[in-house]
N, C-alpha and C. Protein backbone atom coordinates (compact mmCIF):
# COMPACT_ATOMS: atom_id res chain seq x y z
N MET A 1 -8.28 -17.03 -12.90
CA MET A 1 -9.32 -17.59 -13.72
C MET A 1 -10.35 -18.25 -12.80
N VAL A 2 -11.62 -18.00 -13.07
CA VAL A 2 -12.71 -18.56 -12.28
C VAL A 2 -13.15 -19.85 -12.94
N ARG A 3 -13.25 -20.91 -12.15
CA ARG A 3 -13.73 -22.19 -12.68
C ARG A 3 -15.20 -22.32 -12.35
N LEU A 4 -15.98 -22.57 -13.36
CA LEU A 4 -17.41 -22.80 -13.17
C LEU A 4 -17.68 -24.29 -13.07
N PRO A 5 -18.72 -24.66 -12.35
CA PRO A 5 -19.07 -26.08 -12.27
C PRO A 5 -19.34 -26.63 -13.67
N THR A 6 -19.07 -27.92 -13.85
CA THR A 6 -19.24 -28.54 -15.16
C THR A 6 -20.69 -28.84 -15.49
N GLU A 7 -21.52 -28.99 -14.51
CA GLU A 7 -22.93 -29.27 -14.76
C GLU A 7 -23.62 -27.97 -15.16
N PRO A 8 -24.40 -27.98 -16.27
CA PRO A 8 -25.01 -26.74 -16.79
C PRO A 8 -25.86 -26.01 -15.75
N PHE A 9 -26.67 -26.72 -14.99
CA PHE A 9 -27.53 -26.07 -14.01
C PHE A 9 -26.71 -25.33 -12.96
N LEU A 10 -25.66 -25.97 -12.46
CA LEU A 10 -24.83 -25.34 -11.43
C LEU A 10 -24.06 -24.16 -12.00
N ALA A 11 -23.62 -24.28 -13.26
CA ALA A 11 -22.90 -23.18 -13.90
C ALA A 11 -23.81 -21.97 -14.05
N LEU A 12 -25.03 -22.19 -14.51
CA LEU A 12 -25.99 -21.11 -14.68
C LEU A 12 -26.31 -20.47 -13.33
N ARG A 13 -26.49 -21.28 -12.33
CA ARG A 13 -26.78 -20.78 -10.98
C ARG A 13 -25.64 -19.92 -10.46
N ALA A 14 -24.39 -20.36 -10.68
CA ALA A 14 -23.23 -19.60 -10.23
C ALA A 14 -23.15 -18.25 -10.93
N VAL A 15 -23.40 -18.24 -12.24
CA VAL A 15 -23.36 -16.99 -13.00
C VAL A 15 -24.47 -16.05 -12.55
N LEU A 16 -25.67 -16.58 -12.36
CA LEU A 16 -26.78 -15.75 -11.91
C LEU A 16 -26.53 -15.16 -10.52
N CYS A 17 -25.95 -15.93 -9.64
CA CYS A 17 -25.61 -15.43 -8.30
C CYS A 17 -24.59 -14.30 -8.39
N ALA A 18 -23.57 -14.48 -9.21
CA ALA A 18 -22.54 -13.45 -9.37
C ALA A 18 -23.13 -12.18 -9.95
N VAL A 19 -23.96 -12.30 -10.97
CA VAL A 19 -24.60 -11.13 -11.58
C VAL A 19 -25.53 -10.47 -10.58
N GLY A 20 -26.30 -11.25 -9.85
CA GLY A 20 -27.21 -10.69 -8.86
C GLY A 20 -26.48 -9.91 -7.79
N LEU A 21 -25.38 -10.45 -7.31
CA LEU A 21 -24.60 -9.75 -6.30
C LEU A 21 -24.02 -8.46 -6.85
N ALA A 22 -23.56 -8.48 -8.08
CA ALA A 22 -22.98 -7.29 -8.69
C ALA A 22 -24.03 -6.20 -8.86
N LEU A 23 -25.26 -6.59 -9.20
CA LEU A 23 -26.31 -5.61 -9.41
C LEU A 23 -26.91 -5.07 -8.12
N CYS A 24 -26.69 -5.74 -7.02
CA CYS A 24 -27.30 -5.33 -5.76
C CYS A 24 -26.41 -4.44 -4.92
N GLY A 25 -25.31 -3.97 -5.44
CA GLY A 25 -24.38 -3.13 -4.67
C GLY A 25 -25.06 -1.87 -4.16
N CYS A 26 -24.73 -1.46 -2.97
CA CYS A 26 -25.30 -0.26 -2.35
C CYS A 26 -24.33 0.89 -2.56
N HIS A 27 -24.82 2.00 -3.05
CA HIS A 27 -23.98 3.17 -3.31
C HIS A 27 -24.49 4.37 -2.53
N GLY A 28 -24.71 4.25 -1.25
CA GLY A 28 -25.14 5.39 -0.46
C GLY A 28 -26.44 5.11 0.24
N ALA A 29 -27.35 6.08 0.16
CA ALA A 29 -28.62 5.99 0.88
C ALA A 29 -29.48 4.87 0.32
N VAL A 30 -30.17 4.20 1.21
CA VAL A 30 -31.11 3.17 0.81
C VAL A 30 -32.45 3.86 0.65
N GLU A 31 -32.95 3.91 -0.59
CA GLU A 31 -34.17 4.66 -0.87
C GLU A 31 -35.38 4.04 -0.19
N GLY A 32 -36.26 4.93 0.28
CA GLY A 32 -37.52 4.50 0.84
C GLY A 32 -37.42 3.85 2.20
N SER A 33 -36.26 3.94 2.84
CA SER A 33 -36.10 3.31 4.14
C SER A 33 -35.36 4.24 5.07
N ALA A 34 -35.95 4.47 6.21
CA ALA A 34 -35.28 5.29 7.21
C ALA A 34 -34.61 4.43 8.25
N GLY A 35 -34.64 3.13 8.09
CA GLY A 35 -34.02 2.24 9.06
C GLY A 35 -34.96 1.96 10.20
N PRO A 36 -34.59 1.06 11.08
CA PRO A 36 -35.46 0.72 12.21
C PRO A 36 -35.60 1.89 13.16
N GLN A 37 -36.80 2.11 13.65
CA GLN A 37 -37.04 3.19 14.58
C GLN A 37 -36.37 2.89 15.92
N GLY A 38 -35.81 3.94 16.50
CA GLY A 38 -35.22 3.79 17.82
C GLY A 38 -33.83 3.18 17.79
N ALA A 39 -33.31 2.90 16.61
CA ALA A 39 -31.97 2.32 16.54
C ALA A 39 -30.95 3.40 16.81
N ALA A 40 -29.78 2.98 17.27
CA ALA A 40 -28.71 3.94 17.50
C ALA A 40 -28.40 4.65 16.20
N GLY A 41 -28.21 5.97 16.26
CA GLY A 41 -27.91 6.71 15.06
C GLY A 41 -29.15 7.29 14.41
N ASP A 42 -30.37 7.07 14.99
CA ASP A 42 -31.59 7.62 14.42
C ASP A 42 -31.74 9.11 14.71
N ALA A 43 -31.06 9.59 15.69
CA ALA A 43 -31.21 10.99 16.05
C ALA A 43 -30.13 11.82 15.37
N ASP A 44 -30.51 13.09 15.03
CA ASP A 44 -29.51 13.97 14.46
C ASP A 44 -28.69 14.57 15.60
N ARG A 45 -27.84 15.54 15.30
CA ARG A 45 -26.95 16.10 16.33
C ARG A 45 -27.70 16.83 17.42
N ASN A 46 -28.92 17.30 17.14
CA ASN A 46 -29.70 18.00 18.14
C ASN A 46 -30.58 17.06 18.95
N GLY A 47 -30.51 15.78 18.68
CA GLY A 47 -31.29 14.80 19.42
C GLY A 47 -32.65 14.51 18.81
N ALA A 48 -33.01 15.22 17.73
CA ALA A 48 -34.31 14.99 17.09
C ALA A 48 -34.24 13.75 16.21
N ALA A 49 -35.37 13.05 16.14
CA ALA A 49 -35.41 11.85 15.30
C ALA A 49 -35.21 12.24 13.85
N SER A 50 -34.44 11.47 13.14
CA SER A 50 -34.14 11.74 11.74
C SER A 50 -34.88 10.75 10.86
N SER A 51 -35.49 11.27 9.79
CA SER A 51 -36.15 10.37 8.86
C SER A 51 -35.32 10.17 7.60
N ALA A 52 -34.13 10.78 7.55
CA ALA A 52 -33.27 10.65 6.37
C ALA A 52 -32.66 9.26 6.34
N PRO A 53 -32.53 8.69 5.14
CA PRO A 53 -31.91 7.37 5.03
C PRO A 53 -30.43 7.44 5.40
N PHE A 54 -29.92 6.31 5.81
CA PHE A 54 -28.51 6.20 6.15
C PHE A 54 -27.69 6.40 4.88
N ALA A 55 -26.70 7.27 4.91
CA ALA A 55 -25.91 7.56 3.71
C ALA A 55 -24.46 7.17 3.92
N LEU A 56 -23.87 6.62 2.89
CA LEU A 56 -22.46 6.27 2.90
C LEU A 56 -21.76 7.07 1.82
N SER A 57 -20.50 7.36 2.03
CA SER A 57 -19.73 8.06 1.02
C SER A 57 -19.50 7.14 -0.17
N ASP A 58 -19.60 7.68 -1.36
CA ASP A 58 -19.33 6.90 -2.57
C ASP A 58 -17.84 6.75 -2.81
N GLU A 59 -17.03 7.49 -2.08
CA GLU A 59 -15.59 7.44 -2.28
C GLU A 59 -14.99 6.24 -1.55
N ALA A 60 -13.98 5.67 -2.15
CA ALA A 60 -13.27 4.55 -1.53
C ALA A 60 -12.36 5.10 -0.43
N ALA A 61 -11.95 4.21 0.46
CA ALA A 61 -11.00 4.59 1.51
C ALA A 61 -9.73 5.11 0.85
N LYS A 62 -9.17 6.18 1.41
CA LYS A 62 -7.97 6.79 0.84
C LYS A 62 -6.78 6.58 1.77
N LEU A 63 -5.69 6.16 1.16
CA LEU A 63 -4.45 5.96 1.89
C LEU A 63 -3.82 7.29 2.28
N LEU A 64 -3.13 7.28 3.40
CA LEU A 64 -2.26 8.39 3.71
C LEU A 64 -1.13 8.39 2.68
N PRO A 65 -0.53 9.54 2.40
CA PRO A 65 0.60 9.54 1.48
C PRO A 65 1.69 8.58 1.95
N PHE A 66 2.44 8.04 1.01
CA PHE A 66 3.45 7.04 1.33
C PHE A 66 4.44 7.54 2.39
N ASP A 67 4.95 8.76 2.23
CA ASP A 67 5.95 9.25 3.18
C ASP A 67 5.38 9.38 4.59
N VAL A 68 4.09 9.66 4.71
CA VAL A 68 3.44 9.73 6.02
C VAL A 68 3.35 8.33 6.64
N ARG A 69 2.94 7.34 5.82
CA ARG A 69 2.87 5.96 6.32
C ARG A 69 4.25 5.46 6.74
N LEU A 70 5.26 5.76 5.94
CA LEU A 70 6.63 5.35 6.27
C LEU A 70 7.06 5.99 7.58
N ALA A 71 6.79 7.28 7.75
CA ALA A 71 7.17 7.98 8.98
C ALA A 71 6.44 7.41 10.19
N LYS A 72 5.16 7.06 10.02
CA LYS A 72 4.41 6.48 11.14
C LYS A 72 5.00 5.14 11.56
N VAL A 73 5.31 4.29 10.58
CA VAL A 73 5.89 2.98 10.91
C VAL A 73 7.25 3.17 11.56
N ALA A 74 8.06 4.10 11.04
CA ALA A 74 9.39 4.35 11.61
C ALA A 74 9.27 4.83 13.06
N ALA A 75 8.28 5.68 13.33
CA ALA A 75 8.08 6.16 14.70
C ALA A 75 7.70 5.01 15.64
N VAL A 76 6.87 4.10 15.15
CA VAL A 76 6.48 2.95 15.96
C VAL A 76 7.69 2.06 16.26
N VAL A 77 8.51 1.82 15.24
CA VAL A 77 9.68 0.96 15.41
C VAL A 77 10.77 1.66 16.21
N GLY A 78 10.80 3.00 16.11
CA GLY A 78 11.78 3.76 16.87
C GLY A 78 13.11 3.93 16.16
N VAL A 79 13.09 3.90 14.83
CA VAL A 79 14.29 4.11 14.03
C VAL A 79 13.98 5.14 12.95
N PRO A 80 15.01 5.80 12.38
CA PRO A 80 14.75 6.78 11.33
C PRO A 80 14.25 6.11 10.04
N THR A 81 13.58 6.88 9.21
CA THR A 81 13.05 6.35 7.95
C THR A 81 14.16 5.90 7.00
N SER A 82 15.38 6.36 7.25
CA SER A 82 16.51 5.96 6.40
C SER A 82 17.12 4.62 6.82
N ASP A 83 16.62 4.04 7.90
CA ASP A 83 17.16 2.78 8.40
C ASP A 83 16.99 1.68 7.35
N PRO A 84 17.99 0.78 7.23
CA PRO A 84 17.90 -0.31 6.25
C PRO A 84 16.68 -1.23 6.43
N VAL A 85 16.07 -1.24 7.59
CA VAL A 85 14.89 -2.09 7.80
C VAL A 85 13.75 -1.68 6.85
N PHE A 86 13.79 -0.45 6.35
CA PHE A 86 12.74 0.05 5.46
C PHE A 86 13.14 -0.02 3.98
N ASP A 87 14.24 -0.69 3.67
CA ASP A 87 14.69 -0.77 2.27
C ASP A 87 13.61 -1.35 1.36
N ALA A 88 13.01 -2.46 1.74
CA ALA A 88 11.99 -3.10 0.90
C ALA A 88 10.80 -2.17 0.71
N MET A 89 10.43 -1.45 1.75
CA MET A 89 9.30 -0.52 1.66
C MET A 89 9.63 0.62 0.70
N ARG A 90 10.83 1.16 0.81
CA ARG A 90 11.22 2.25 -0.08
C ARG A 90 11.34 1.77 -1.53
N GLU A 91 11.84 0.55 -1.72
CA GLU A 91 11.96 0.00 -3.07
C GLU A 91 10.60 -0.20 -3.73
N ARG A 92 9.59 -0.50 -2.96
CA ARG A 92 8.24 -0.78 -3.49
C ARG A 92 7.30 0.42 -3.33
N ARG A 93 7.86 1.60 -3.11
CA ARG A 93 7.06 2.79 -2.82
C ARG A 93 6.04 3.12 -3.91
N LEU A 94 6.39 2.93 -5.17
CA LEU A 94 5.44 3.24 -6.25
C LEU A 94 4.28 2.25 -6.24
N ALA A 95 4.55 1.00 -5.95
CA ALA A 95 3.49 0.00 -5.84
C ALA A 95 2.60 0.27 -4.62
N LEU A 96 3.13 1.03 -3.66
CA LEU A 96 2.39 1.36 -2.45
C LEU A 96 1.68 2.71 -2.55
N GLY A 97 1.68 3.30 -3.76
CA GLY A 97 0.91 4.53 -3.98
C GLY A 97 1.71 5.81 -4.01
N ASP A 98 3.03 5.74 -3.89
CA ASP A 98 3.84 6.96 -3.94
C ASP A 98 3.91 7.46 -5.39
N TYR A 99 4.54 8.57 -5.58
CA TYR A 99 4.61 9.17 -6.91
C TYR A 99 6.05 9.42 -7.33
N ASP A 100 6.24 9.56 -8.62
CA ASP A 100 7.52 9.96 -9.20
C ASP A 100 7.17 10.73 -10.47
N HIS A 101 7.07 12.04 -10.34
CA HIS A 101 6.66 12.86 -11.48
C HIS A 101 7.68 12.80 -12.61
N ALA A 102 8.94 12.53 -12.29
CA ALA A 102 9.97 12.47 -13.33
C ALA A 102 9.70 11.37 -14.35
N VAL A 103 9.04 10.31 -13.92
CA VAL A 103 8.72 9.22 -14.85
C VAL A 103 7.21 9.14 -15.13
N GLY A 104 6.48 10.15 -14.68
CA GLY A 104 5.05 10.21 -14.98
C GLY A 104 4.16 9.37 -14.10
N VAL A 105 4.63 8.99 -12.91
CA VAL A 105 3.80 8.20 -11.99
C VAL A 105 3.17 9.16 -10.98
N LEU A 106 1.85 9.23 -11.00
CA LEU A 106 1.12 10.12 -10.09
C LEU A 106 0.81 9.39 -8.79
N PRO A 107 0.58 10.16 -7.71
CA PRO A 107 0.22 9.51 -6.45
C PRO A 107 -1.11 8.76 -6.59
N ASP A 108 -1.22 7.64 -5.92
CA ASP A 108 -2.42 6.82 -5.97
C ASP A 108 -2.81 6.47 -4.54
N SER A 109 -3.91 7.03 -4.06
CA SER A 109 -4.31 6.84 -2.67
C SER A 109 -5.38 5.79 -2.49
N GLN A 110 -5.60 4.95 -3.50
CA GLN A 110 -6.61 3.90 -3.36
C GLN A 110 -6.06 2.73 -2.57
N TRP A 111 -6.88 2.18 -1.69
CA TRP A 111 -6.50 1.05 -0.83
C TRP A 111 -7.13 -0.19 -1.44
N SER A 112 -6.43 -0.80 -2.37
CA SER A 112 -6.93 -1.96 -3.09
C SER A 112 -6.41 -3.26 -2.47
N ALA A 113 -6.96 -4.37 -2.90
CA ALA A 113 -6.52 -5.67 -2.38
C ALA A 113 -5.05 -5.91 -2.70
N SER A 114 -4.63 -5.55 -3.90
CA SER A 114 -3.22 -5.76 -4.26
C SER A 114 -2.31 -4.85 -3.46
N ARG A 115 -2.75 -3.64 -3.17
CA ARG A 115 -1.94 -2.73 -2.36
C ARG A 115 -1.88 -3.21 -0.91
N MET A 116 -2.99 -3.75 -0.40
CA MET A 116 -2.97 -4.32 0.96
C MET A 116 -1.96 -5.46 1.05
N ALA A 117 -1.98 -6.33 0.05
CA ALA A 117 -1.05 -7.47 0.04
C ALA A 117 0.39 -6.98 -0.04
N GLU A 118 0.63 -5.97 -0.84
CA GLU A 118 2.00 -5.41 -0.97
C GLU A 118 2.43 -4.77 0.35
N TRP A 119 1.51 -4.07 1.00
CA TRP A 119 1.82 -3.42 2.29
C TRP A 119 2.23 -4.47 3.32
N VAL A 120 1.47 -5.55 3.41
CA VAL A 120 1.81 -6.63 4.35
C VAL A 120 3.14 -7.26 3.98
N ARG A 121 3.39 -7.43 2.69
CA ARG A 121 4.64 -8.03 2.22
C ARG A 121 5.85 -7.19 2.66
N VAL A 122 5.75 -5.86 2.58
CA VAL A 122 6.90 -5.02 2.98
C VAL A 122 6.96 -4.82 4.49
N LEU A 123 5.84 -5.05 5.19
CA LEU A 123 5.86 -4.95 6.66
C LEU A 123 6.53 -6.15 7.32
N ARG A 124 6.47 -7.31 6.66
CA ARG A 124 7.00 -8.53 7.29
C ARG A 124 8.45 -8.40 7.75
N PRO A 125 9.37 -7.90 6.91
CA PRO A 125 10.76 -7.76 7.41
C PRO A 125 10.87 -6.76 8.56
N ILE A 126 9.98 -5.77 8.59
CA ILE A 126 9.99 -4.80 9.67
C ILE A 126 9.52 -5.47 10.96
N CYS A 127 8.45 -6.24 10.88
CA CYS A 127 7.93 -6.96 12.05
C CYS A 127 8.92 -8.01 12.55
N GLN A 128 9.74 -8.55 11.65
CA GLN A 128 10.73 -9.57 12.02
C GLN A 128 12.07 -8.97 12.42
N SER A 129 12.19 -7.65 12.32
CA SER A 129 13.48 -6.99 12.57
C SER A 129 13.85 -7.01 14.05
N ASP A 130 15.15 -6.95 14.30
CA ASP A 130 15.65 -6.89 15.68
C ASP A 130 15.16 -5.61 16.37
N ALA A 131 15.10 -4.49 15.63
CA ALA A 131 14.66 -3.23 16.22
C ALA A 131 13.24 -3.35 16.74
N PHE A 132 12.35 -3.95 15.96
CA PHE A 132 10.96 -4.10 16.38
C PHE A 132 10.86 -5.06 17.56
N LYS A 133 11.56 -6.20 17.46
CA LYS A 133 11.48 -7.20 18.53
C LYS A 133 12.07 -6.67 19.84
N LEU A 134 13.08 -5.81 19.74
CA LEU A 134 13.68 -5.22 20.94
C LEU A 134 12.71 -4.25 21.61
N LYS A 135 12.00 -3.47 20.79
CA LYS A 135 11.07 -2.49 21.35
C LYS A 135 9.78 -3.13 21.85
N TYR A 136 9.34 -4.20 21.18
CA TYR A 136 8.09 -4.89 21.54
C TYR A 136 8.38 -6.39 21.70
N PRO A 137 9.05 -6.77 22.78
CA PRO A 137 9.48 -8.16 22.91
C PRO A 137 8.36 -9.14 23.27
N ASN A 138 7.24 -8.63 23.78
CA ASN A 138 6.24 -9.51 24.35
C ASN A 138 4.87 -9.29 23.71
N LEU A 139 4.74 -9.65 22.43
CA LEU A 139 3.45 -9.53 21.75
C LEU A 139 2.84 -10.91 21.58
N PRO A 140 1.58 -11.05 21.70
CA PRO A 140 0.54 -10.05 21.83
C PRO A 140 0.26 -9.57 23.26
N ALA A 141 0.91 -10.13 24.26
CA ALA A 141 0.65 -9.70 25.65
C ALA A 141 0.93 -8.21 25.84
N GLY A 142 1.94 -7.68 25.16
CA GLY A 142 2.29 -6.27 25.27
C GLY A 142 1.61 -5.40 24.24
N LEU A 143 0.42 -5.79 23.80
CA LEU A 143 -0.30 -5.07 22.76
C LEU A 143 -0.56 -3.61 23.13
N ASP A 144 -0.83 -3.33 24.39
CA ASP A 144 -1.14 -1.96 24.81
C ASP A 144 -0.02 -0.99 24.44
N THR A 145 1.21 -1.40 24.60
CA THR A 145 2.36 -0.55 24.27
C THR A 145 2.42 -0.28 22.77
N LEU A 146 2.20 -1.31 21.97
CA LEU A 146 2.22 -1.16 20.52
C LEU A 146 1.07 -0.27 20.05
N ILE A 147 -0.11 -0.46 20.59
CA ILE A 147 -1.27 0.37 20.22
C ILE A 147 -1.01 1.83 20.56
N ALA A 148 -0.45 2.09 21.73
CA ALA A 148 -0.16 3.46 22.14
C ALA A 148 0.83 4.12 21.17
N ALA A 149 1.85 3.38 20.76
CA ALA A 149 2.84 3.93 19.83
C ALA A 149 2.25 4.10 18.43
N ALA A 150 1.44 3.16 17.97
CA ALA A 150 0.92 3.20 16.61
C ALA A 150 -0.25 4.16 16.45
N TYR A 151 -1.16 4.18 17.41
CA TYR A 151 -2.39 4.95 17.27
C TYR A 151 -2.40 6.22 18.12
N GLY A 152 -1.47 6.34 19.04
CA GLY A 152 -1.43 7.52 19.89
C GLY A 152 -2.57 7.57 20.89
N ARG A 153 -3.06 6.41 21.29
CA ARG A 153 -4.16 6.32 22.27
C ARG A 153 -4.03 5.01 23.02
N ASP A 154 -4.82 4.87 24.07
CA ASP A 154 -4.82 3.63 24.82
C ASP A 154 -5.53 2.52 24.02
N ALA A 155 -5.11 1.31 24.24
CA ALA A 155 -5.75 0.16 23.60
C ALA A 155 -7.14 -0.04 24.20
N THR A 156 -8.06 -0.48 23.36
CA THR A 156 -9.42 -0.75 23.82
C THR A 156 -9.67 -2.26 23.81
N SER A 157 -10.77 -2.65 24.38
CA SER A 157 -11.12 -4.07 24.35
C SER A 157 -11.37 -4.51 22.90
N GLN A 158 -11.88 -3.60 22.06
CA GLN A 158 -12.09 -3.92 20.65
C GLN A 158 -10.76 -4.18 19.94
N ASP A 159 -9.73 -3.39 20.27
CA ASP A 159 -8.39 -3.63 19.70
C ASP A 159 -7.91 -5.03 20.06
N ARG A 160 -8.09 -5.39 21.31
CA ARG A 160 -7.64 -6.72 21.77
C ARG A 160 -8.41 -7.84 21.08
N GLU A 161 -9.73 -7.63 20.93
CA GLU A 161 -10.56 -8.63 20.25
C GLU A 161 -10.15 -8.77 18.78
N ASP A 162 -9.86 -7.64 18.13
CA ASP A 162 -9.45 -7.68 16.72
C ASP A 162 -8.16 -8.45 16.53
N VAL A 163 -7.20 -8.23 17.42
CA VAL A 163 -5.92 -8.95 17.32
C VAL A 163 -6.14 -10.43 17.61
N GLU A 164 -6.94 -10.72 18.61
CA GLU A 164 -7.24 -12.11 18.95
C GLU A 164 -7.91 -12.82 17.78
N LEU A 165 -8.83 -12.11 17.11
CA LEU A 165 -9.49 -12.67 15.93
C LEU A 165 -8.47 -12.95 14.83
N GLY A 166 -7.53 -12.03 14.63
CA GLY A 166 -6.48 -12.22 13.63
C GLY A 166 -5.57 -13.40 13.94
N LEU A 167 -5.40 -13.68 15.22
CA LEU A 167 -4.56 -14.81 15.63
C LEU A 167 -5.33 -16.13 15.56
N GLY A 168 -6.64 -16.07 15.43
CA GLY A 168 -7.44 -17.28 15.36
C GLY A 168 -7.89 -17.77 16.72
N GLY A 169 -7.72 -16.97 17.74
CA GLY A 169 -8.14 -17.34 19.08
C GLY A 169 -7.23 -16.73 20.12
N PRO A 170 -7.54 -16.92 21.39
CA PRO A 170 -6.70 -16.39 22.46
C PRO A 170 -5.28 -16.94 22.39
N THR A 171 -4.34 -16.15 22.86
CA THR A 171 -2.94 -16.55 22.87
C THR A 171 -2.77 -17.90 23.55
N GLY A 172 -2.01 -18.75 22.91
CA GLY A 172 -1.74 -20.07 23.47
C GLY A 172 -2.77 -21.12 23.14
N THR A 173 -3.89 -20.72 22.51
CA THR A 173 -4.93 -21.71 22.20
C THR A 173 -4.92 -22.10 20.72
N THR A 174 -4.01 -21.54 19.96
CA THR A 174 -3.93 -21.85 18.53
C THR A 174 -2.67 -22.64 18.25
N ALA A 175 -2.53 -23.08 17.02
CA ALA A 175 -1.34 -23.85 16.63
C ALA A 175 -0.16 -22.94 16.26
N LEU A 176 -0.32 -21.63 16.49
CA LEU A 176 0.75 -20.69 16.15
C LEU A 176 1.87 -20.73 17.17
N THR A 177 3.08 -20.52 16.70
CA THR A 177 4.22 -20.40 17.61
C THR A 177 4.22 -18.99 18.19
N ALA A 178 4.99 -18.78 19.23
CA ALA A 178 5.09 -17.45 19.84
C ALA A 178 5.63 -16.44 18.83
N GLU A 179 6.56 -16.86 17.98
CA GLU A 179 7.12 -15.97 16.96
C GLU A 179 6.06 -15.58 15.93
N GLN A 180 5.23 -16.54 15.53
CA GLN A 180 4.15 -16.25 14.58
C GLN A 180 3.12 -15.31 15.19
N GLU A 181 2.77 -15.52 16.45
CA GLU A 181 1.83 -14.62 17.13
C GLU A 181 2.39 -13.21 17.21
N HIS A 182 3.69 -13.10 17.48
CA HIS A 182 4.36 -11.80 17.56
C HIS A 182 4.25 -11.08 16.21
N GLU A 183 4.59 -11.80 15.13
CA GLU A 183 4.57 -11.19 13.80
C GLU A 183 3.15 -10.83 13.37
N LEU A 184 2.19 -11.70 13.60
CA LEU A 184 0.81 -11.41 13.22
C LEU A 184 0.23 -10.23 14.00
N THR A 185 0.60 -10.09 15.25
CA THR A 185 0.16 -8.93 16.03
C THR A 185 0.71 -7.65 15.42
N CYS A 186 1.98 -7.67 15.08
CA CYS A 186 2.61 -6.53 14.43
C CYS A 186 1.91 -6.19 13.13
N LEU A 187 1.71 -7.19 12.29
CA LEU A 187 1.07 -6.97 10.99
C LEU A 187 -0.35 -6.43 11.13
N SER A 188 -1.10 -6.96 12.08
CA SER A 188 -2.49 -6.52 12.23
C SER A 188 -2.57 -5.06 12.69
N VAL A 189 -1.66 -4.63 13.54
CA VAL A 189 -1.68 -3.25 14.01
C VAL A 189 -1.16 -2.29 12.94
N LEU A 190 -0.02 -2.65 12.32
CA LEU A 190 0.60 -1.73 11.36
C LEU A 190 -0.11 -1.70 10.01
N SER A 191 -1.01 -2.63 9.75
CA SER A 191 -1.77 -2.60 8.50
C SER A 191 -3.23 -2.22 8.73
N SER A 192 -3.57 -1.81 9.92
CA SER A 192 -4.95 -1.45 10.23
C SER A 192 -5.34 -0.13 9.54
N ALA A 193 -6.62 0.06 9.36
CA ALA A 193 -7.12 1.28 8.75
C ALA A 193 -6.69 2.51 9.55
N GLU A 194 -6.68 2.39 10.86
CA GLU A 194 -6.29 3.52 11.69
C GLU A 194 -4.84 3.94 11.45
N MET A 195 -4.03 3.02 10.99
CA MET A 195 -2.62 3.28 10.75
C MET A 195 -2.36 3.83 9.35
N VAL A 196 -3.12 3.40 8.35
CA VAL A 196 -2.75 3.72 6.97
C VAL A 196 -3.74 4.59 6.20
N LEU A 197 -4.96 4.76 6.70
CA LEU A 197 -5.97 5.52 5.96
C LEU A 197 -6.17 6.92 6.50
N GLN A 198 -6.64 7.80 5.61
CA GLN A 198 -6.92 9.19 5.99
C GLN A 198 -8.25 9.27 6.71
């Protein structure tokens, strides 16, 4: 439930702001604007300047199928998908977008706020598991190893900055314990778009 300010002027202002933001949503190309000249991305594939507006897909981000996400996490942890560490994930599979045609539940590949929260909720026991801690004992310092296993590529400076941002600052400069930093590093990598989206 949203609480509005008790003063009429502030309540009206809050409602008008909310309506204004809802009406100003961008759904693709911005009409009548080709963007700033000379900006990165102004050239087409042949190097010629493009006058077409910047276009975004109207489709929402799509999740990988549940069994693919489960297999990816299992590969990172280094245990089979049947391992008990994934019990909570398997139990919540329908809430995570899996399907069960026998009961009429179709696959759902939308990446919503509630699905993100559920994904993090089922990842926590995995990140806290002995198997994960044994394979990645030194996080966030050992981030490169986790990135290589999760993404199949070398870690970049942007990956390191993203994890540092998630931790609230450089390792050792926050009020987090080493165990909390370890778990948050795991959660940030295993819940990233590169890990779960198509």
